[in-house]
C-alpha atoms as a PDB file:
ATOM      1  CA  MET A   1     145.098  25.639 -36.608  1.00  0.00           C
ATOM      2  CA  SER A   2     146.845  23.042 -38.795  1.00  0.00           C
ATOM      3  CA  ASN A   3     150.441  23.205 -40.005  1.00  0.00           C
ATOM      4  CA  GLU A   4     149.140  24.079 -43.476  1.00  0.00           C
ATOM      5  CA  SER A   5     147.128  26.951 -42.040  1.00  0.00           C
ATOM      6  CA  PHE A   6     150.185  28.223 -40.162  1.00  0.00           C
ATOM      7  CA  SER A   7     152.162  28.105 -43.427  1.00  0.00           C
ATOM      8  CA  GLU A   8     149.472  29.963 -45.376  1.00  0.00           C
ATOM      9  CA  GLN A   9     149.240  32.639 -42.694  1.00  0.00           C
ATOM     10  CA  SER A  10     153.030  33.034 -42.633  1.00  0.00           C
ATOM     11  CA  ARG A  11     153.154  33.416 -46.429  1.00  0.00           C
ATOM     12  CA  ALA A  12     150.414  36.052 -46.290  1.00  0.00           C
ATOM     13  CA  ASP A  13     152.234  37.895 -43.498  1.00  0.00           C
ATOM     14  CA  PHE A  14     155.459  37.930 -45.503  1.00  0.00           C
ATOM     15  CA  GLN A  15     153.766  39.307 -48.612  1.00  0.00           C
ATOM     16  CA  ARG A  16     152.152  42.035 -46.523  1.00  0.00           C
ATOM     17  CA  ALA A  17     155.505  42.888 -44.902  1.00  0.00           C
ATOM     18  CA  LEU A  18     157.199  42.948 -48.326  1.00  0.00           C
ATOM     19  CA  PHE A  19     154.559  45.332 -49.687  1.00  0.00           C
ATOM     20  CA  LYS A  20     154.889  47.624 -46.647  1.00  0.00           C
ATOM     21  CA  SER A  21     158.661  47.636 -47.193  1.00  0.00           C
ATOM     22  CA  PHE A  22     158.134  48.651 -50.824  1.00  0.00           C
ATOM     23  CA  MET A  23     155.834  51.493 -49.805  1.00  0.00           C
ATOM     24  CA  ASN A  24     158.356  52.635 -47.167  1.00  0.00           C
ATOM     25  CA  ARG A  25     161.099  52.794 -49.807  1.00  0.00           C
ATOM     26  CA  VAL A  26     158.878  54.846 -52.107  1.00  0.00           C
ATOM     27  CA  TRP A  27     158.039  57.275 -49.318  1.00  0.00           C
ATOM     28  CA  ASP A  28     161.646  57.464 -48.113  1.00  0.00           C
ATOM     29  CA  SER A  29     162.922  58.249 -51.612  1.00  0.00           C
ATOM     30  CA  LEU A  30     160.402  61.101 -51.868  1.00  0.00           C
ATOM     31  CA  SER A  31     161.012  62.473 -48.379  1.00  0.00           C
ATOM     32  CA  GLY A  32     164.776  61.946 -48.257  1.00  0.00           C
ATOM     33  CA  GLN A  33     164.670  59.705 -45.193  1.00  0.00           C
ATOM     34  CA  ARG A  34     167.124  56.892 -44.504  1.00  0.00           C
ATOM     35  CA  THR A  35     165.917  53.753 -46.308  1.00  0.00           C
ATOM     36  CA  THR A  36     168.028  50.984 -44.731  1.00  0.00           C
ATOM     37  CA  LEU A  37     169.183  49.923 -41.309  1.00  0.00           C
ATOM     38  CA  LEU A  38     172.174  51.611 -39.729  1.00  0.00           C
ATOM     39  CA  SER A  39     175.487  49.980 -40.585  1.00  0.00           C
ATOM     40  CA  TYR A  40     177.550  48.984 -37.545  1.00  0.00           C
ATOM     41  CA  ASP A  41     180.785  49.298 -39.527  1.00  0.00           C
ATOM     42  CA  ASP A  42     179.809  52.816 -40.599  1.00  0.00           C
ATOM     43  CA  ILE A  43     179.045  53.822 -37.007  1.00  0.00           C
ATOM     44  CA  LYS A  44     182.273  52.204 -35.793  1.00  0.00           C
ATOM     45  CA  GLU A  45     184.362  54.065 -38.365  1.00  0.00           C
ATOM     46  CA  LYS A  46     182.756  57.471 -37.835  1.00  0.00           C
ATOM     47  CA  LEU A  47     182.332  57.443 -34.041  1.00  0.00           C
ATOM     48  CA  HIS A  48     185.489  55.485 -33.111  1.00  0.00           C
ATOM     49  CA  ILE A  49     183.593  53.220 -30.733  1.00  0.00           C
ATOM     50  CA  GLY A  50     185.285  50.763 -28.363  1.00  0.00           C
ATOM     51  CA  GLY A  51     184.406  47.323 -27.017  1.00  0.00           C
ATOM     52  CA  PRO A  52     182.247  45.296 -27.248  1.00  0.00           C
ATOM     53  CA  ILE A  53     181.804  44.193 -23.610  1.00  0.00           C
ATOM     54  CA  TYR A  54     179.455  41.297 -22.798  1.00  0.00           C
ATOM     55  CA  ARG A  55     176.421  42.436 -20.751  1.00  0.00           C
ATOM     56  CA  GLY A  56     174.492  39.162 -20.594  1.00  0.00           C
ATOM     57  CA  VAL A  57     170.938  38.294 -21.651  1.00  0.00           C
ATOM     58  CA  GLN A  58     168.574  41.248 -21.407  1.00  0.00           C
ATOM     59  CA  THR A  59     165.057  42.241 -22.419  1.00  0.00           C
ATOM     60  CA  VAL A  60     165.377  44.872 -25.169  1.00  0.00           C
ATOM     61  CA  ARG A  61     162.761  47.134 -26.754  1.00  0.00           C
ATOM     62  CA  VAL A  62     162.323  46.062 -30.372  1.00  0.00           C
ATOM     63  CA  ASP A  63     162.023  49.677 -31.590  1.00  0.00           C
ATOM     64  CA  GLN A  64     165.545  50.398 -30.302  1.00  0.00           C
ATOM     65  CA  ILE A  65     167.005  47.812 -32.688  1.00  0.00           C
ATOM     66  CA  ALA A  66     167.803  49.921 -35.738  1.00  0.00           C
ATOM     67  CA  GLY A  67     171.032  48.566 -37.174  1.00  0.00           C
ATOM     68  CA  SER A  68     172.878  45.499 -38.394  1.00  0.00           C
ATOM     69  CA  LEU A  69     176.409  44.178 -38.295  1.00  0.00           C
ATOM     70  CA  ASN A  70     176.430  42.944 -41.883  1.00  0.00           C
ATOM     71  CA  ARG A  71     172.890  42.649 -43.319  1.00  0.00           C
ATOM     72  CA  TYR A  72     171.696  46.257 -43.183  1.00  0.00           C
ATOM     73  CA  HIS A  73     170.729  46.291 -46.889  1.00  0.00           C
ATOM     74  CA  GLU A  74     168.430  43.255 -46.556  1.00  0.00           C
ATOM     75  CA  PHE A  75     165.883  45.044 -44.363  1.00  0.00           C
ATOM     76  CA  ASP A  76     164.425  48.530 -44.397  1.00  0.00           C
ATOM     77  CA  ARG A  77     164.830  51.056 -41.578  1.00  0.00           C
ATOM     78  CA  VAL A  78     161.986  49.463 -39.542  1.00  0.00           C
ATOM     79  CA  PHE A  79     163.237  45.902 -40.147  1.00  0.00           C
ATOM     80  CA  LEU A  80     160.757  44.934 -42.855  1.00  0.00           C
ATOM     81  CA  PRO A  81     162.193  42.476 -45.425  1.00  0.00           C
ATOM     82  CA  ALA A  82     163.484  44.263 -48.510  1.00  0.00           C
ATOM     83  CA  SER A  83     163.472  41.261 -50.867  1.00  0.00           C
ATOM     84  CA  ASP A  84     161.539  38.043 -51.498  1.00  0.00           C
ATOM     85  CA  LYS A  85     164.879  36.214 -51.130  1.00  0.00           C
ATOM     86  CA  LEU A  86     164.227  36.360 -47.390  1.00  0.00           C
ATOM     87  CA  ALA A  87     160.876  34.607 -47.695  1.00  0.00           C
ATOM     88  CA  THR A  88     161.772  31.050 -46.591  1.00  0.00           C
ATOM     89  CA  ARG A  89     163.645  31.935 -43.406  1.00  0.00           C
ATOM     90  CA  TRP A  90     161.246  34.780 -42.510  1.00  0.00           C
ATOM     91  CA  GLN A  91     158.197  32.549 -42.915  1.00  0.00           C
ATOM     92  CA  ASN A  92     159.769  29.774 -40.832  1.00  0.00           C
ATOM     93  CA  VAL A  93     160.402  32.186 -37.962  1.00  0.00           C
ATOM     94  CA  ASN A  94     156.921  33.660 -38.352  1.00  0.00           C
ATOM     95  CA  ARG A  95     155.368  30.195 -38.230  1.00  0.00           C
ATOM     96  CA  ALA A  96     157.263  29.513 -35.000  1.00  0.00           C
ATOM     97  CA  PHE A  97     155.659  32.689 -33.608  1.00  0.00           C
ATOM     98  CA  TYR A  98     152.153  31.354 -34.325  1.00  0.00           C
ATOM     99  CA  GLN A  99     153.031  27.929 -32.943  1.00  0.00           C
ATOM    100  CA  ASP A 100     154.473  29.500 -29.793  1.00  0.00           C
ATOM    101  CA  VAL A 101     157.839  27.822 -30.366  1.00  0.00           C
ATOM    102  CA  SER A 102     160.611  29.219 -28.156  1.00  0.00           C
ATOM    103  CA  LEU A 103     163.560  30.591 -30.153  1.00  0.00           C
ATOM    104  CA  PRO A 104     167.028  31.419 -28.766  1.00  0.00           C
ATOM    105  CA  PRO A 105     167.846  35.046 -27.847  1.00  0.00           C
ATOM    106  CA  VAL A 106     169.058  37.279 -30.657  1.00  0.00           C
ATOM    107  CA  VAL A 107     172.599  38.639 -30.415  1.00  0.00           C
ATOM    108  CA  LEU A 108     172.974  42.426 -30.365  1.00  0.00           C
ATOM    109  CA  TYR A 109     175.658  45.091 -30.104  1.00  0.00           C
ATOM    110  CA  LYS A 110     174.606  48.219 -28.213  1.00  0.00           C
ATOM    111  CA  VAL A 111     175.970  51.670 -29.143  1.00  0.00           C
ATOM    112  CA  GLY A 112     174.451  54.581 -27.228  1.00  0.00           C
ATOM    113  CA  GLN A 113     170.707  53.905 -27.287  1.00  0.00           C
ATOM    114  CA  VAL A 114     170.796  51.848 -30.496  1.00  0.00           C
ATOM    115  CA  TYR A 115     171.099  48.092 -30.915  1.00  0.00           C
ATOM    116  CA  PHE A 116     172.712  46.401 -33.928  1.00  0.00           C
ATOM    117  CA  VAL A 117     171.832  42.821 -34.871  1.00  0.00           C
ATOM    118  CA  VAL A 118     174.706  40.358 -35.001  1.00  0.00           C
ATOM    119  CA  ASP A 119     172.510  37.256 -35.198  1.00  0.00           C
ATOM    120  CA  GLY A 120     168.721  37.022 -35.417  1.00  0.00           C
ATOM    121  CA  HIS A 121     167.684  39.479 -38.145  1.00  0.00           C
ATOM    122  CA  HIS A 122     164.596  37.475 -39.146  1.00  0.00           C
ATOM    123  CA  ARG A 123     163.535  37.059 -35.510  1.00  0.00           C
ATOM    124  CA  VAL A 124     163.732  40.836 -34.989  1.00  0.00           C
ATOM    125  CA  SER A 125     161.855  41.484 -38.248  1.00  0.00           C
ATOM    126  CA  VAL A 126     159.035  39.075 -37.347  1.00  0.00           C
ATOM    127  CA  ALA A 127     158.849  40.385 -33.766  1.00  0.00           C
ATOM    128  CA  ARG A 128     158.454  43.941 -35.009  1.00  0.00           C
ATOM    129  CA  GLU A 129     155.880  43.008 -37.642  1.00  0.00           C
ATOM    130  CA  GLN A 130     153.893  41.023 -35.098  1.00  0.00           C
ATOM    131  CA  GLY A 131     153.794  43.980 -32.733  1.00  0.00           C
ATOM    132  CA  GLN A 132     156.106  42.639 -30.038  1.00  0.00           C
ATOM    133  CA  ILE A 133     157.396  45.363 -27.709  1.00  0.00           C
ATOM    134  CA  TYR A 134     160.329  43.426 -26.239  1.00  0.00           C
ATOM    135  CA  ILE A 135     162.686  40.644 -27.283  1.00  0.00           C
ATOM    136  CA  GLU A 136     165.257  38.568 -25.399  1.00  0.00           C
ATOM    137  CA  ALA A 137     168.825  39.306 -26.466  1.00  0.00           C
ATOM    138  CA  GLU A 138     172.448  38.628 -25.646  1.00  0.00           C
ATOM    139  CA  VAL A 139     173.892  42.130 -25.462  1.00  0.00           C
ATOM    140  CA  ARG A 140     177.456  43.304 -25.991  1.00  0.00           C
ATOM    141  CA  GLU A 141     177.930  47.024 -25.328  1.00  0.00           C
ATOM    142  CA  CYS A 142     180.346  49.275 -27.222  1.00  0.00           C
ATOM    143  CA  SER A 143     181.713  52.417 -25.572  1.00  0.00           C
ATOM    144  CA  THR A 144     181.188  55.751 -27.315  1.00  0.00           C
ATOM    145  CA  ARG A 145     181.912  59.396 -26.528  1.00  0.00           C
ATOM    146  CA  VAL A 146     178.614  60.514 -28.080  1.00  0.00           C
ATOM    147  CA  ASP A 147     175.032  59.330 -27.811  1.00  0.00           C
ATOM    148  CA  ILE A 148     173.011  58.009 -30.744  1.00  0.00           C
ATOM    149  CA  THR A 149     169.329  57.116 -30.957  1.00  0.00           C
ATOM    150  CA  ALA A 150     167.330  54.855 -33.263  1.00  0.00           C
ATOM    151  CA  ASP A 151     165.942  57.792 -35.294  1.00  0.00           C
ATOM    152  CA  ILE A 152     169.385  59.164 -36.203  1.00  0.00           C
ATOM    153  CA  LYS A 153     169.597  60.718 -39.682  1.00  0.00           C
ATOM    154  CA  PRO A 154     172.620  60.658 -42.036  1.00  0.00           C
ATOM    155  CA  GLU A 155     173.253  64.373 -41.463  1.00  0.00           C
ATOM    156  CA  ASP A 156     173.122  63.803 -37.677  1.00  0.00           C
ATOM    157  CA  LEU A 157     175.781  61.120 -38.022  1.00  0.00           C
ATOM    158  CA  GLU A 158     178.075  63.519 -39.885  1.00  0.00           C
ATOM    159  CA  ILE A 159     177.749  66.074 -37.067  1.00  0.00           C
ATOM    160  CA  LEU A 160     178.370  63.392 -34.431  1.00  0.00           C
ATOM    161  CA  GLU A 161     181.491  62.367 -36.335  1.00  0.00           C
ATOM    162  CA  ASP A 162     182.670  65.979 -36.052  1.00  0.00           C
ATOM    163  CA  LYS A 163     181.798  65.948 -32.333  1.00  0.00           C
ATOM    164  CA  VAL A 164     183.939  62.845 -31.778  1.00  0.00           C
ATOM    165  CA  HIS A 165     186.823  64.584 -33.556  1.00  0.00           C
ATOM    166  CA  PHE A 166     186.234  67.678 -31.386  1.00  0.00           C
ATOM    167  CA  LEU A 167     186.298  65.623 -28.167  1.00  0.00           C
ATOM    168  CA  GLU A 168     189.395  63.729 -29.274  1.00  0.00           C
ATOM    169  CA  ARG A 169     191.140  67.027 -29.968  1.00  0.00           C
ATOM    170  CA  THR A 170     190.012  68.802 -26.799  1.00  0.00           C
ATOM    171  CA  SER A 171     189.246  66.093 -24.196  1.00  0.00           C
ATOM    172  CA  LEU A 172     186.479  68.446 -23.059  1.00  0.00           C
ATOM    173  CA  ASP A 173     184.469  65.478 -21.776  1.00  0.00           C
ATOM    174  CA  SER A 174     187.355  64.766 -19.380  1.00  0.00           C
ATOM    175  CA  LEU A 175     188.133  68.381 -18.490  1.00  0.00           C
ATOM    176  CA  ARG A 176     184.468  69.208 -17.919  1.00  0.00           C
ATOM    177  CA  PRO A 177     182.535  65.925 -17.450  1.00  0.00           C
ATOM    178  CA  ASP A 178     179.183  67.757 -17.317  1.00  0.00           C
ATOM    179  CA  ALA A 179     179.752  69.390 -20.707  1.00  0.00           C
ATOM    180  CA  ASP A 180     177.403  68.191 -23.441  1.00  0.00           C
ATOM    181  CA  ILE A 181     177.616  70.488 -26.448  1.00  0.00           C
ATOM    182  CA  ARG A 182     175.015  69.630 -29.073  1.00  0.00           C
ATOM    183  CA  LEU A 183     174.820  71.103 -32.560  1.00  0.00           C
ATOM    184  CA  THR A 184     172.751  70.854 -35.712  1.00  0.00           C
ATOM    185  CA  ILE A 185     175.083  73.139 -37.703  1.00  0.00           C
ATOM    186  CA  PRO A 186     177.306  70.994 -39.966  1.00  0.00           C
ATOM    187  CA  ASP A 187     180.632  72.822 -39.470  1.00  0.00           C
ATOM    188  CA  GLY A 188     179.907  73.920 -35.907  1.00  0.00           C
ATOM    189  CA  PHE A 189     182.503  71.875 -34.045  1.00  0.00           C
ATOM    190  CA  GLU A 190     185.238  72.886 -36.485  1.00  0.00           C
ATOM    191  CA  ARG A 191     184.352  76.532 -35.840  1.00  0.00           C
ATOM    192  CA  MET A 192     184.528  75.943 -32.097  1.00  0.00           C
ATOM    193  CA  LEU A 193     188.062  74.591 -32.491  1.00  0.00           C
ATOM    194  CA  GLU A 194     188.912  77.860 -34.233  1.00  0.00           C
ATOM    195  CA  HIS A 195     187.328  79.827 -31.369  1.00  0.00           C
ATOM    196  CA  ILE A 196     189.486  77.930 -28.875  1.00  0.00           C
ATOM    197  CA  ALA A 197     192.631  78.622 -30.896  1.00  0.00           C
ATOM    198  CA  VAL A 198     191.850  82.359 -31.013  1.00  0.00           C
ATOM    199  CA  HIS A 199     190.985  82.346 -27.311  1.00  0.00           C
ATOM    200  CA  ARG A 200     194.320  80.690 -26.518  1.00  0.00           C
ATOM    201  CA  TYR A 201     196.167  83.340 -28.517  1.00  0.00           C
ATOM    202  CA  PHE A 202     194.538  86.244 -26.682  1.00  0.00           C
ATOM    203  CA  MET A 203     194.971  84.525 -23.311  1.00  0.00           C
ATOM    204  CA  GLY A 204     198.713  84.430 -24.008  1.00  0.00           C
ATOM    205  CA  LEU A 205     198.738  88.150 -24.820  1.00  0.00           C
ATOM    206  CA  ASP A 206     196.727  89.052 -21.697  1.00  0.00           C
ATOM    207  CA  LEU A 207     198.680  86.859 -19.280  1.00  0.00           C
ATOM    208  CA  LYS A 208     202.051  87.331 -21.028  1.00  0.00           C
ATOM    209  CA  ARG A 209     202.944  83.647 -20.908  1.00  0.00           C
ATOM    210  CA  ASP A 210     202.518  80.456 -22.872  1.00  0.00           C
ATOM    211  CA  ILE A 211     199.070  78.915 -22.515  1.00  0.00           C
ATOM    212  CA  SER A 212     198.701  75.160 -22.766  1.00  0.00           C
ATOM    213  CA  GLU A 213     195.989  73.804 -25.030  1.00  0.00           C
ATOM    214  CA  GLN A 214     194.184  72.157 -22.096  1.00  0.00           C
ATOM    215  CA  GLU A 215     194.175  75.413 -20.099  1.00  0.00           C
ATOM    216  CA  ALA A 216     192.789  77.309 -23.083  1.00  0.00           C
ATOM    217  CA  ILE A 217     190.055  74.726 -23.682  1.00  0.00           C
ATOM    218  CA  ALA A 218     188.885  74.817 -20.052  1.00  0.00           C
ATOM    219  CA  ASP A 219     189.002  78.621 -19.961  1.00  0.00           C
ATOM    220  CA  TRP A 220     187.089  78.915 -23.253  1.00  0.00           C
ATOM    221  CA  TYR A 221     184.372  76.631 -21.926  1.00  0.00           C
ATOM    222  CA  ASP A 222     184.142  78.411 -18.548  1.00  0.00           C
ATOM    223  CA  HIS A 223     184.469  82.030 -19.685  1.00  0.00           C
ATOM    224  CA  VAL A 224     183.237  82.108 -23.292  1.00  0.00           C
ATOM    225  CA  TYR A 225     180.891  79.236 -24.068  1.00  0.00           C
ATOM    226  CA  MET A 226     179.050  78.833 -20.749  1.00  0.00           C
ATOM    227  CA  PRO A 227     178.437  82.573 -20.137  1.00  0.00           C
ATOM    228  CA  VAL A 228     176.706  82.757 -23.530  1.00  0.00           C
ATOM    229  CA  VAL A 229     174.702  79.616 -22.725  1.00  0.00           C
ATOM    230  CA  ASP A 230     173.728  81.122 -19.358  1.00  0.00           C
ATOM    231  CA  VAL A 231     172.232  84.143 -21.154  1.00  0.00           C
ATOM    232  CA  ILE A 232     170.397  81.823 -23.579  1.00  0.00           C
ATOM    233  CA  ARG A 233     168.892  79.948 -20.628  1.00  0.00           C
ATOM    234  CA  GLU A 234     168.140  83.086 -18.610  1.00  0.00           C
ATOM    235  CA  THR A 235     166.235  84.756 -21.457  1.00  0.00           C
ATOM    236  CA  GLY A 236     164.492  81.613 -22.733  1.00  0.00           C
ATOM    237  CA  ILE A 237     165.262  82.643 -26.315  1.00  0.00           C
ATOM    238  CA  LEU A 238     165.829  79.033 -27.379  1.00  0.00           C
ATOM    239  CA  LYS A 239     162.042  78.565 -27.413  1.00  0.00           C
ATOM    240  CA  GLU A 240     161.917  80.826 -30.471  1.00  0.00           C
ATOM    241  CA  PHE A 241     164.134  78.420 -32.422  1.00  0.00           C
ATOM    242  CA  PRO A 242     162.525  74.963 -32.531  1.00  0.00           C
ATOM    243  CA  GLN A 243     164.882  72.121 -33.439  1.00  0.00           C
ATOM    244  CA  LYS A 244     167.946  74.242 -32.560  1.00  0.00           C
ATOM    245  CA  THR A 245     170.326  73.818 -29.626  1.00  0.00           C
ATOM    246  CA  GLU A 246     172.198  76.016 -27.160  1.00  0.00           C
ATOM    247  CA  GLY A 247     175.362  75.270 -29.125  1.00  0.00           C
ATOM    248  CA  ASP A 248     173.726  76.521 -32.338  1.00  0.00           C
ATOM    249  CA  LEU A 249     172.745  79.788 -30.665  1.00  0.00           C
ATOM    250  CA  TYR A 250     176.256  80.186 -29.243  1.00  0.00           C
ATOM    251  CA  LEU A 251     177.589  80.073 -32.812  1.00  0.00           C
ATOM    252  CA  TRP A 252     174.935  82.536 -33.982  1.00  0.00           C
ATOM    253  CA  VAL A 253     175.891  84.911 -31.150  1.00  0.00           C
ATOM    254  CA  LEU A 254     179.541  84.881 -32.191  1.00  0.00           C
ATOM    255  CA  ASP A 255     178.538  85.330 -35.833  1.00  0.00           C
ATOM    256  CA  HIS A 256     176.470  88.340 -34.730  1.00  0.00           C
ATOM    257  CA  GLN A 257     179.430  89.658 -32.751  1.00  0.00           C
ATOM    258  CA  HIS A 258     181.681  89.313 -35.811  1.00  0.00           C
ATOM    259  CA  TYR A 259     179.094  91.076 -37.987  1.00  0.00           C
ATOM    260  CA  LEU A 260     178.903  94.060 -35.606  1.00  0.00           C
ATOM    261  CA  VAL A 261     182.687  94.443 -35.651  1.00  0.00           C
ATOM    262  CA  MET A 262     183.257  93.921 -39.380  1.00  0.00           C
ATOM    263  CA  GLU A 263     180.115  95.504 -40.862  1.00  0.00           C
ATOM    264  CA  GLU A 264     178.991  98.031 -38.241  1.00  0.00           C
ATOM    265  CA  GLY A 265     182.434  99.066 -37.026  1.00  0.00           C
ATOM    266  CA  GLN A 266     181.563  98.428 -33.381  1.00  0.00           C
ATOM    267  CA  THR A 267     184.081  97.590 -30.689  1.00  0.00           C
ATOM    268  CA  LEU A 268     184.512  93.888 -29.964  1.00  0.00           C
ATOM    269  CA  GLN A 269     182.110  92.960 -27.156  1.00  0.00           C
ATOM    270  CA  PRO A 270     182.676  90.423 -24.391  1.00  0.00           C
ATOM    271  CA  PRO A 271     180.724  87.195 -25.064  1.00  0.00           C
ATOM    272  CA  VAL A 272     177.997  87.936 -22.493  1.00  0.00           C
ATOM    273  CA  GLU A 273     177.330  91.409 -23.909  1.00  0.00           C
ATOM    274  CA  ALA A 274     177.281  89.967 -27.424  1.00  0.00           C
ATOM    275  CA  ALA A 275     174.716  87.394 -26.287  1.00  0.00           C
ATOM    276  CA  ARG A 276     172.486  90.042 -24.701  1.00  0.00           C
ATOM    277  CA  ASN A 277     172.768  92.203 -27.818  1.00  0.00           C
ATOM    278  CA  PHE A 278     171.762  89.197 -29.930  1.00  0.00           C
ATOM    279  CA  VAL A 279     168.687  88.626 -27.732  1.00  0.00           C
ATOM    280  CA  GLU A 280     167.722  92.313 -27.890  1.00  0.00           C
ATOM    281  CA  VAL A 281     167.927  92.322 -31.684  1.00  0.00           C
ATOM    282  CA  LYS A 282     165.730  89.222 -31.880  1.00  0.00           C
ATOM    283  CA  ASP A 283     163.246  90.715 -29.411  1.00  0.00           C
ATOM    284  CA  LYS A 284     162.921  93.860 -31.533  1.00  0.00           C
ATOM    285  CA  LYS A 285     162.252  91.796 -34.656  1.00  0.00           C
ATOM    286  CA  ALA A 286     159.711  89.558 -32.929  1.00  0.00           C
ATOM    287  CA  PRO A 287     156.861  92.141 -32.705  1.00  0.00           C
ATOM    288  CA  ARG A 288     157.135  92.881 -36.423  1.00  0.00           C
ATOM    289  CA  LYS A 289     156.829  89.172 -37.202  1.00  0.00           C
ATOM    290  CA  LYS A 290     153.790  88.897 -34.945  1.00  0.00           C
ATOM    291  CA  ARG A 291     152.135  91.900 -36.612  1.00  0.00           C
ATOM    292  CA  ALA A 292     152.815  90.451 -40.045  1.00  0.00           C
ATOM    293  CA  ALA A 293     151.354  87.101 -38.935  1.00  0.00           C
ATOM    294  CA  LYS A 294     148.190  88.830 -37.664  1.00  0.00           C
ATOM    295  CA  LYS A 295     147.780  90.705 -40.951  1.00  0.00           C
ATOM    296  CA  SER A 296     148.051  87.491 -42.937  1.00  0.00           C
ATOM    297  CA  GLU A 297     145.461  85.870 -40.653  1.00  0.00           C
ATOM    298  CA  LYS A 298     143.008  88.722 -41.345  1.00  0.00           C
ATOM    299  CA  LYS A 299     143.436  88.246 -45.063  1.00  0.00           C
END
């Protein structure tokens, strides 16, 4: 293939990529999905990440590169070019792909399971469009107290920001290294901080002494949160709530407990009994839902 042919093919590839980017933006605006790459500065501000620490040259999966240090508005969420202003550089890199010209590694920051481009945006864009699975990269890793993945949504980021605040307040990840509370409920971690404060108050009354915050946090996790989670796991009720987490159900159990006390006038139950009561109530409702589903099927 001649140089002119390489150039024509590269121009055609860019126009196709630009059109796909346009269609992605249309679909994203209709479906409410994220339209641009993740912003490293946004992640850094919300998740209070540390580093970066140099990890050397590595082979990285292209589909794990989902963010940018400073050019996140120039490409869409799957690294397609968002404007024809990128045409010249993009086409030059694409032509190098066809000519099998070796290009230097891209430079990436890693946060959780996501990579952010520092240098090499066009190389990543072309690699993804050409169907490459891996790319060579200089990687610098940033420490984080929470995990993020390439498909993270804006609402997920808000909850992770709350989780970072929760961990900074409680140091639960140090007190109980195996703890990994996950939520999809927006104000969930703030409510858990309230639960810990109430638990600390009643611990002081029961033990007739001052309770340190760290002691209350560990005791809440061991004797309130985990017993409820154990019931959730034992009964398998989480299967009835797709897309929800054990942490979500913990909050629902305590909401149910509060409802029984305030609305039904029942005595405050221990967390485990409240969890079992919650499961029983759901089990009783399940047959009615199944019968209703069968009736609708017959119709």
